[in-house]
N, C-alpha and C. Protein backbone atom coordinates (compact mmCIF):
# COMPACT_ATOMS: atom_id res chain seq x y z
N GLU A 1 39.15 -0.16 8.26
CA GLU A 1 37.89 -0.49 7.63
C GLU A 1 36.93 -0.99 8.70
N ASP A 2 35.71 -0.44 8.70
CA ASP A 2 34.69 -0.80 9.67
C ASP A 2 33.81 -1.90 9.09
N ASN A 3 33.83 -3.07 9.71
CA ASN A 3 33.03 -4.19 9.24
C ASN A 3 31.72 -4.33 10.01
N ASP A 4 31.30 -3.27 10.69
CA ASP A 4 30.06 -3.30 11.45
C ASP A 4 28.89 -3.41 10.48
N GLN A 5 28.20 -4.54 10.51
CA GLN A 5 27.10 -4.77 9.59
C GLN A 5 25.74 -4.64 10.28
N SER A 6 25.72 -4.00 11.44
CA SER A 6 24.44 -3.84 12.13
C SER A 6 23.58 -2.82 11.39
N LEU A 7 22.29 -2.96 11.56
CA LEU A 7 21.34 -2.08 10.88
C LEU A 7 21.20 -0.76 11.63
N THR A 8 20.95 0.28 10.89
CA THR A 8 20.66 1.58 11.50
C THR A 8 19.22 1.56 12.01
N ASP A 9 18.86 2.53 12.82
CA ASP A 9 17.48 2.64 13.30
C ASP A 9 16.51 2.76 12.13
N GLU A 10 16.88 3.52 11.12
CA GLU A 10 16.03 3.69 9.94
C GLU A 10 15.85 2.37 9.20
N GLU A 11 16.91 1.59 9.09
CA GLU A 11 16.81 0.30 8.41
C GLU A 11 15.92 -0.67 9.19
N TYR A 12 16.02 -0.66 10.53
CA TYR A 12 15.12 -1.48 11.35
C TYR A 12 13.67 -1.06 11.14
N PHE A 13 13.42 0.24 11.12
CA PHE A 13 12.07 0.76 10.92
C PHE A 13 11.52 0.32 9.57
N GLN A 14 12.34 0.47 8.52
CA GLN A 14 11.90 0.07 7.18
C GLN A 14 11.64 -1.43 7.11
N ALA A 15 12.48 -2.22 7.76
CA ALA A 15 12.27 -3.67 7.77
C ALA A 15 10.95 -4.01 8.48
N GLY A 16 10.67 -3.32 9.57
CA GLY A 16 9.41 -3.53 10.28
C GLY A 16 8.22 -3.17 9.43
N GLU A 17 8.32 -2.05 8.71
CA GLU A 17 7.23 -1.64 7.81
C GLU A 17 6.98 -2.69 6.73
N ARG A 18 8.06 -3.16 6.14
CA ARG A 18 7.94 -4.14 5.06
C ARG A 18 7.36 -5.47 5.56
N LEU A 19 7.79 -5.88 6.76
CA LEU A 19 7.24 -7.10 7.33
C LEU A 19 5.75 -6.95 7.61
N ALA A 20 5.36 -5.82 8.16
CA ALA A 20 3.94 -5.57 8.44
C ALA A 20 3.12 -5.58 7.16
N LEU A 21 3.63 -4.97 6.11
CA LEU A 21 2.92 -4.95 4.84
C LEU A 21 2.78 -6.36 4.29
N LEU A 22 3.85 -7.12 4.35
CA LEU A 22 3.81 -8.50 3.86
C LEU A 22 2.79 -9.32 4.65
N LEU A 23 2.76 -9.15 5.96
CA LEU A 23 1.79 -9.86 6.79
C LEU A 23 0.36 -9.48 6.39
N CYS A 24 0.12 -8.18 6.21
CA CYS A 24 -1.22 -7.72 5.83
C CYS A 24 -1.62 -8.22 4.46
N GLN A 25 -0.68 -8.24 3.54
CA GLN A 25 -0.98 -8.68 2.18
C GLN A 25 -1.19 -10.19 2.09
N SER A 26 -0.81 -10.91 3.13
CA SER A 26 -0.98 -12.36 3.10
C SER A 26 -2.04 -12.83 4.10
N GLY A 27 -2.95 -11.92 4.46
CA GLY A 27 -4.08 -12.29 5.30
C GLY A 27 -3.77 -12.40 6.78
N ARG A 28 -2.66 -11.80 7.22
CA ARG A 28 -2.29 -11.91 8.63
C ARG A 28 -2.20 -10.53 9.29
N CYS A 29 -3.23 -9.72 9.07
CA CYS A 29 -3.25 -8.37 9.63
C CYS A 29 -3.17 -8.35 11.15
N ARG A 30 -3.79 -9.35 11.78
CA ARG A 30 -3.75 -9.38 13.24
C ARG A 30 -2.32 -9.55 13.75
N LYS A 31 -1.51 -10.32 13.05
CA LYS A 31 -0.11 -10.48 13.44
C LYS A 31 0.68 -9.19 13.24
N ALA A 32 0.29 -8.40 12.26
CA ALA A 32 1.00 -7.16 11.96
C ALA A 32 0.65 -6.05 12.94
N LYS A 33 -0.49 -6.15 13.60
CA LYS A 33 -0.99 -5.06 14.44
C LYS A 33 -0.01 -4.66 15.54
N LYS A 34 0.54 -5.62 16.27
CA LYS A 34 1.47 -5.30 17.36
C LYS A 34 2.74 -4.61 16.83
N GLY A 35 3.26 -5.12 15.72
CA GLY A 35 4.45 -4.52 15.13
C GLY A 35 4.19 -3.10 14.64
N LEU A 36 3.03 -2.89 14.02
CA LEU A 36 2.69 -1.55 13.56
C LEU A 36 2.56 -0.59 14.73
N SER A 37 1.96 -1.05 15.82
CA SER A 37 1.84 -0.20 17.02
C SER A 37 3.22 0.17 17.56
N SER A 38 4.12 -0.81 17.62
CA SER A 38 5.45 -0.53 18.15
C SER A 38 6.24 0.42 17.25
N LEU A 39 5.87 0.48 15.98
CA LEU A 39 6.52 1.42 15.05
C LEU A 39 5.89 2.80 15.11
N GLY A 40 4.80 2.93 15.88
CA GLY A 40 4.16 4.23 16.04
C GLY A 40 2.94 4.45 15.16
N PHE A 41 2.54 3.43 14.41
CA PHE A 41 1.37 3.56 13.55
C PHE A 41 0.11 3.42 14.38
N THR A 42 -0.88 4.23 14.08
CA THR A 42 -2.15 4.17 14.78
C THR A 42 -3.29 3.74 13.87
N CYS A 43 -3.06 3.71 12.57
CA CYS A 43 -4.09 3.27 11.64
C CYS A 43 -3.41 2.74 10.38
N ARG A 44 -4.20 2.01 9.59
CA ARG A 44 -3.68 1.45 8.34
C ARG A 44 -4.84 1.32 7.38
N LEU A 45 -4.53 0.99 6.14
CA LEU A 45 -5.57 0.76 5.15
C LEU A 45 -6.37 -0.49 5.53
N ALA A 46 -7.59 -0.58 5.06
CA ALA A 46 -8.45 -1.71 5.36
C ALA A 46 -7.86 -3.02 4.84
N GLU A 47 -8.22 -4.10 5.50
CA GLU A 47 -7.72 -5.42 5.13
C GLU A 47 -8.06 -5.77 3.68
N ASP A 48 -9.26 -5.38 3.22
CA ASP A 48 -9.65 -5.67 1.84
C ASP A 48 -8.79 -4.93 0.82
N VAL A 49 -8.20 -3.81 1.21
CA VAL A 49 -7.32 -3.06 0.32
C VAL A 49 -5.95 -3.72 0.26
N LEU A 50 -5.46 -4.16 1.42
CA LEU A 50 -4.11 -4.71 1.48
C LEU A 50 -4.04 -6.18 1.07
N ASP A 51 -5.10 -6.93 1.31
CA ASP A 51 -5.10 -8.36 1.00
C ASP A 51 -6.24 -8.66 0.05
N TYR A 52 -6.16 -8.10 -1.16
CA TYR A 52 -7.22 -8.28 -2.13
C TYR A 52 -7.17 -9.69 -2.71
N GLN A 53 -8.33 -10.18 -3.08
CA GLN A 53 -8.43 -11.52 -3.65
C GLN A 53 -7.93 -11.54 -5.08
N SER A 54 -7.37 -12.67 -5.46
CA SER A 54 -7.00 -12.83 -6.87
C SER A 54 -8.27 -13.07 -7.67
N SER A 55 -8.19 -12.95 -8.97
CA SER A 55 -9.38 -13.14 -9.81
C SER A 55 -9.93 -14.55 -9.66
N SER A 56 -9.08 -15.55 -9.45
CA SER A 56 -9.58 -16.92 -9.30
C SER A 56 -10.34 -17.08 -7.99
N GLU A 57 -9.93 -16.36 -6.94
CA GLU A 57 -10.66 -16.42 -5.67
C GLU A 57 -12.01 -15.74 -5.80
N ARG A 58 -12.08 -14.64 -6.56
CA ARG A 58 -13.33 -13.91 -6.73
C ARG A 58 -14.31 -14.70 -7.60
N ASN A 59 -13.83 -15.30 -8.66
CA ASN A 59 -14.69 -15.93 -9.65
C ASN A 59 -14.91 -17.41 -9.43
N GLY A 60 -14.09 -18.01 -8.62
CA GLY A 60 -14.19 -19.46 -8.42
C GLY A 60 -13.30 -20.17 -9.42
N PRO A 61 -12.91 -21.40 -9.11
CA PRO A 61 -11.97 -22.12 -9.98
C PRO A 61 -12.51 -22.39 -11.37
N GLU A 62 -13.83 -22.51 -11.53
CA GLU A 62 -14.37 -22.83 -12.85
C GLU A 62 -14.20 -21.68 -13.84
N LEU A 63 -14.04 -20.44 -13.37
CA LEU A 63 -13.89 -19.30 -14.28
C LEU A 63 -12.44 -18.88 -14.45
N GLU A 64 -11.55 -19.49 -13.69
CA GLU A 64 -10.14 -19.06 -13.69
C GLU A 64 -9.51 -19.13 -15.08
N GLU A 65 -9.78 -20.16 -15.84
CA GLU A 65 -9.13 -20.30 -17.15
C GLU A 65 -9.59 -19.26 -18.16
N HIS A 66 -10.75 -18.65 -17.94
CA HIS A 66 -11.28 -17.67 -18.88
C HIS A 66 -10.95 -16.24 -18.50
N ASP A 67 -10.46 -16.03 -17.29
CA ASP A 67 -10.19 -14.68 -16.81
C ASP A 67 -8.73 -14.33 -17.10
N GLU A 68 -8.53 -13.45 -18.07
CA GLU A 68 -7.17 -13.06 -18.45
C GLU A 68 -6.84 -11.65 -17.99
N SER A 69 -7.65 -11.10 -17.09
CA SER A 69 -7.42 -9.73 -16.63
C SER A 69 -6.21 -9.68 -15.70
N VAL A 70 -5.60 -8.55 -15.65
CA VAL A 70 -4.51 -8.30 -14.73
C VAL A 70 -4.97 -7.21 -13.76
N PRO A 71 -4.56 -7.28 -12.50
CA PRO A 71 -5.06 -6.28 -11.55
C PRO A 71 -4.55 -4.87 -11.80
N CYS A 72 -3.41 -4.76 -12.48
CA CYS A 72 -2.84 -3.42 -12.68
C CYS A 72 -1.92 -3.45 -13.89
N GLN A 73 -1.94 -2.37 -14.64
CA GLN A 73 -1.00 -2.21 -15.74
C GLN A 73 -0.38 -0.83 -15.64
N ILE A 74 0.87 -0.73 -15.98
CA ILE A 74 1.57 0.56 -16.00
C ILE A 74 1.88 0.90 -17.45
N ILE A 75 1.40 2.05 -17.86
CA ILE A 75 1.63 2.49 -19.24
C ILE A 75 2.26 3.87 -19.18
N ASP A 76 3.50 3.97 -19.61
CA ASP A 76 4.22 5.25 -19.59
C ASP A 76 3.53 6.26 -20.50
N ASN A 77 3.50 7.49 -20.03
CA ASN A 77 2.97 8.63 -20.79
C ASN A 77 1.52 8.43 -21.25
N PHE A 78 0.73 7.71 -20.48
CA PHE A 78 -0.66 7.45 -20.85
C PHE A 78 -1.50 8.73 -20.75
N LEU A 79 -1.31 9.49 -19.68
CA LEU A 79 -2.08 10.73 -19.49
C LEU A 79 -1.30 11.92 -20.05
N PRO A 80 -1.99 12.84 -20.67
CA PRO A 80 -1.31 14.06 -21.14
C PRO A 80 -0.77 14.86 -19.95
N GLU A 81 0.29 15.58 -20.17
CA GLU A 81 0.95 16.36 -19.12
C GLU A 81 0.01 17.29 -18.36
N PRO A 82 -0.89 18.04 -19.03
CA PRO A 82 -1.80 18.92 -18.28
C PRO A 82 -2.70 18.13 -17.30
N TRP A 83 -3.12 16.94 -17.67
CA TRP A 83 -3.94 16.12 -16.79
C TRP A 83 -3.15 15.69 -15.55
N LEU A 84 -1.89 15.32 -15.78
CA LEU A 84 -1.04 14.91 -14.66
C LEU A 84 -0.84 16.05 -13.67
N LYS A 85 -0.62 17.24 -14.20
CA LYS A 85 -0.43 18.41 -13.32
C LYS A 85 -1.69 18.68 -12.50
N ARG A 86 -2.85 18.58 -13.16
CA ARG A 86 -4.11 18.81 -12.45
C ARG A 86 -4.34 17.75 -11.37
N LEU A 87 -4.07 16.48 -11.70
CA LEU A 87 -4.19 15.42 -10.70
C LEU A 87 -3.24 15.65 -9.54
N GLY A 88 -2.04 16.08 -9.87
CA GLY A 88 -1.06 16.35 -8.82
C GLY A 88 -1.53 17.44 -7.87
N ARG A 89 -2.10 18.50 -8.42
CA ARG A 89 -2.62 19.58 -7.57
C ARG A 89 -3.77 19.09 -6.71
N ALA A 90 -4.61 18.24 -7.28
CA ALA A 90 -5.80 17.78 -6.56
C ALA A 90 -5.49 16.72 -5.52
N LEU A 91 -4.58 15.81 -5.82
CA LEU A 91 -4.35 14.68 -4.93
C LEU A 91 -3.09 14.78 -4.07
N LEU A 92 -2.08 15.45 -4.58
CA LEU A 92 -0.83 15.50 -3.82
C LEU A 92 -0.79 16.63 -2.80
N ASN A 93 -1.70 17.56 -2.90
CA ASN A 93 -1.79 18.64 -1.92
C ASN A 93 -2.43 18.08 -0.66
N PRO A 94 -1.72 18.10 0.47
CA PRO A 94 -2.27 17.50 1.69
C PRO A 94 -3.53 18.20 2.22
N THR A 95 -3.83 19.39 1.73
CA THR A 95 -5.05 20.07 2.18
C THR A 95 -6.20 19.94 1.19
N SER A 96 -6.02 19.11 0.15
CA SER A 96 -7.10 18.94 -0.83
C SER A 96 -8.30 18.26 -0.18
N ASN A 97 -9.47 18.46 -0.78
CA ASN A 97 -10.73 17.93 -0.23
C ASN A 97 -10.69 16.43 -0.01
N TYR A 98 -10.05 15.70 -0.89
CA TYR A 98 -10.03 14.25 -0.74
C TYR A 98 -9.50 13.85 0.63
N TRP A 99 -8.38 14.40 1.01
CA TRP A 99 -7.75 14.01 2.27
C TRP A 99 -8.52 14.54 3.48
N THR A 100 -8.96 15.78 3.40
CA THR A 100 -9.65 16.36 4.56
C THR A 100 -11.05 15.80 4.73
N CYS A 101 -11.77 15.57 3.65
CA CYS A 101 -13.15 15.04 3.75
C CYS A 101 -13.18 13.58 4.20
N HIS A 102 -12.10 12.86 4.00
CA HIS A 102 -12.04 11.46 4.45
C HIS A 102 -11.30 11.32 5.77
N ASN A 103 -11.07 12.45 6.43
CA ASN A 103 -10.47 12.48 7.78
C ASN A 103 -9.10 11.82 7.86
N TYR A 104 -8.31 11.98 6.81
CA TYR A 104 -6.93 11.50 6.88
C TYR A 104 -6.13 12.44 7.76
N SER A 105 -5.22 11.88 8.52
CA SER A 105 -4.36 12.69 9.36
C SER A 105 -3.28 13.31 8.48
N ILE A 106 -3.22 14.61 8.46
CA ILE A 106 -2.25 15.32 7.62
C ILE A 106 -1.09 15.74 8.52
N GLU A 107 0.10 15.28 8.16
CA GLU A 107 1.30 15.63 8.95
C GLU A 107 2.22 16.49 8.14
């Protein structure tokens, strides 16, 4: 029985990705930059996308008790199947206009 508990290269890479994401989501993008570079990343989503403010930060403490919104909800089977297929063709195709017009690197 092999008791080697060392991480594989893939597991190290995934751990680095997760740490970088956590750093970015907690307002420490500058700390994540070196790690992302060492992992081979050359770009990332904007800081405002990764470290979005909570509703209380946006509205101020006086409005916090009245704001019952949630940033995201998941509702199964919300969109009809034909709509999902159309969205998939439009957004999941790496050559679709969205990706090419916004200069995303397609690999």
